[in-house]
Protein backbone atom coordinates (compact mmCIF):
# COMPACT_ATOMS: atom_id res chain seq x y z
CA UNK A 1 -17.74 -12.96 -15.34
CA UNK A 2 -16.39 -14.31 -12.15
CA UNK A 3 -14.60 -17.14 -14.22
CA UNK A 4 -13.04 -14.98 -16.62
CA UNK A 5 -11.72 -12.67 -13.92
CA UNK A 6 -10.30 -15.52 -11.85
CA UNK A 7 -8.85 -17.04 -15.43
CA UNK A 8 -6.76 -13.92 -15.86
CA UNK A 9 -5.08 -14.55 -12.70
CA UNK A 10 -6.44 -11.53 -10.83
CA UNK A 11 -6.55 -11.77 -7.01
CA UNK A 12 -7.38 -8.30 -6.31
CA UNK A 13 -10.13 -6.40 -8.25
CA UNK A 14 -10.36 -2.67 -7.95
CA UNK A 15 -13.70 -0.85 -9.28
CA UNK A 16 -14.24 2.45 -9.85
CA UNK A 17 -16.96 4.54 -8.12
CA UNK A 18 -20.12 4.43 -10.10
CA UNK A 19 -18.57 2.16 -12.92
CA UNK A 20 -20.23 -1.60 -13.01
CA UNK A 21 -21.36 -0.93 -9.76
CA UNK A 22 -24.56 -2.53 -10.55
CA UNK A 23 -22.49 -5.57 -11.44
CA UNK A 24 -20.99 -5.99 -8.41
CA UNK A 25 -24.08 -7.47 -6.32
CA UNK A 26 -23.92 -9.54 -3.32
CA UNK A 27 -23.99 -12.62 -5.56
CA UNK A 28 -20.95 -11.73 -7.67
CA UNK A 29 -19.13 -10.63 -4.49
CA UNK A 30 -19.99 -13.93 -3.09
CA UNK A 31 -18.45 -15.90 -6.20
CA UNK A 32 -15.38 -13.69 -6.37
CA UNK A 33 -14.90 -14.30 -2.51
CA UNK A 34 -15.17 -18.13 -3.23
CA UNK A 35 -12.65 -17.64 -5.94
CA UNK A 36 -10.44 -16.00 -3.46
CA UNK A 37 -10.46 -12.56 -5.14
CA UNK A 38 -10.61 -9.60 -3.02
CA UNK A 39 -12.99 -6.65 -4.18
CA UNK A 40 -12.10 -2.81 -3.53
CA UNK A 41 -14.83 -0.76 -4.61
CA UNK A 42 -15.71 2.66 -5.11
CA UNK A 43 -12.10 3.83 -6.08
CA UNK A 44 -12.42 7.55 -6.80
CA UNK A 45 -12.14 8.38 -10.48
CA UNK A 46 -9.26 10.61 -9.67
CA UNK A 47 -7.35 7.76 -8.17
CA UNK A 48 -7.59 5.42 -10.92
CA UNK A 49 -4.68 7.10 -13.20
CA UNK A 50 -2.41 6.98 -9.82
CA UNK A 51 -2.99 3.47 -9.03
CA UNK A 52 -2.51 2.39 -12.58
CA UNK A 53 0.81 4.01 -13.08
CA UNK A 54 1.97 2.99 -9.65
CA UNK A 55 0.83 -0.66 -10.19
CA UNK A 56 1.49 -1.09 -13.70
CA UNK A 57 -2.18 -1.91 -14.59
CA UNK A 58 -4.49 -0.83 -17.24
CA UNK A 59 -7.66 -0.04 -16.45
CA UNK A 60 -10.52 -2.36 -18.35
CA UNK A 61 -14.21 -1.33 -18.86
CA UNK A 62 -15.20 -4.25 -20.75
CA UNK A 63 -15.08 -7.88 -19.21
CA UNK A 64 -13.75 -9.11 -22.74
CA UNK A 65 -10.66 -7.03 -22.66
CA UNK A 66 -9.80 -8.51 -19.03
CA UNK A 67 -6.69 -10.21 -19.79
CA UNK A 68 -3.50 -10.99 -17.82
CA UNK A 69 -1.48 -8.39 -19.56
CA UNK A 70 -3.50 -5.74 -18.21
CA UNK A 71 -2.75 -6.93 -14.54
CA UNK A 72 -0.11 -5.33 -12.14
CA UNK A 73 1.46 -6.23 -8.58
CA UNK A 74 1.14 -4.56 -5.36
CA UNK A 75 3.20 -5.34 -2.26
CA UNK A 76 0.14 -6.33 0.13
CA UNK A 77 -3.52 -6.37 -0.45
CA UNK A 78 -5.34 -6.97 3.04
CA UNK A 79 -8.51 -6.66 4.92
CA UNK A 80 -8.19 -5.19 8.33
CA UNK A 81 -10.99 -5.01 11.01
CA UNK A 82 -11.36 -1.23 12.28
CA UNK A 83 -13.90 -0.64 14.88
CA UNK A 84 -17.30 -2.17 13.58
CA UNK A 85 -16.65 -2.93 10.03
CA UNK A 86 -13.87 -4.12 7.75
CA UNK A 87 -11.61 -1.97 5.72
CA UNK A 88 -9.69 -3.13 2.83
CA UNK A 89 -6.20 -1.66 2.44
CA UNK A 90 -4.17 -1.81 -0.58
CA UNK A 91 -0.29 -0.99 -0.14
CA UNK A 92 1.21 0.43 -3.07
CA UNK A 93 5.21 0.67 -3.14
CA UNK A 94 6.86 1.84 -6.06
CA UNK A 95 9.59 3.62 -4.06
CA UNK A 96 9.38 5.22 -0.52
CA UNK A 97 7.19 6.68 1.09
CA UNK A 98 4.59 3.99 1.54
CA UNK A 99 0.76 4.91 0.32
CA UNK A 100 -2.20 3.24 1.41
CA UNK A 101 -5.56 3.60 -0.42
CA UNK A 102 -8.48 2.83 1.74
CA UNK A 103 -11.90 1.30 0.30
CA UNK A 104 -13.60 4.68 0.97
CA UNK A 105 -10.92 6.32 -1.11
CA UNK A 106 -8.68 8.07 1.67
CA UNK A 107 -5.03 8.05 1.19
CA UNK A 108 -2.67 7.55 4.25
CA UNK A 109 1.14 8.55 3.87
C-alpha cells in the first residue's frame, strides 16, 4: 500500500475520520514517513468536499484507484510544534483569504 501511494507521487495523504483508520497503524505511518509522505488523519467527513474542490483532488476509497490523476496541490503542508504535541497544518490557497485546516479538523481564517 505504501509503495503504491509513493509511486503516485503523493507527498501529503489526507485520511477521512473513521475511513481506513485501522489501515493507518503505527507500522504504516512509519513506512509513509520513511517515504517522506506526511499523513493528516481524522479529516472530518464534512471537510472532504471542501478540501477536494479547493485542492483539485478526487477522494479515493480503494488503493487500486490511487493514481496521479487523483492528486491535487496545496501551497504549503507543514508540521508545527504547538505546546507538547505537533500539529500538521495544510494551507489551502485558491485565492485570498488563506484558510488553514488543522489535524483536529478546526479551520483558521
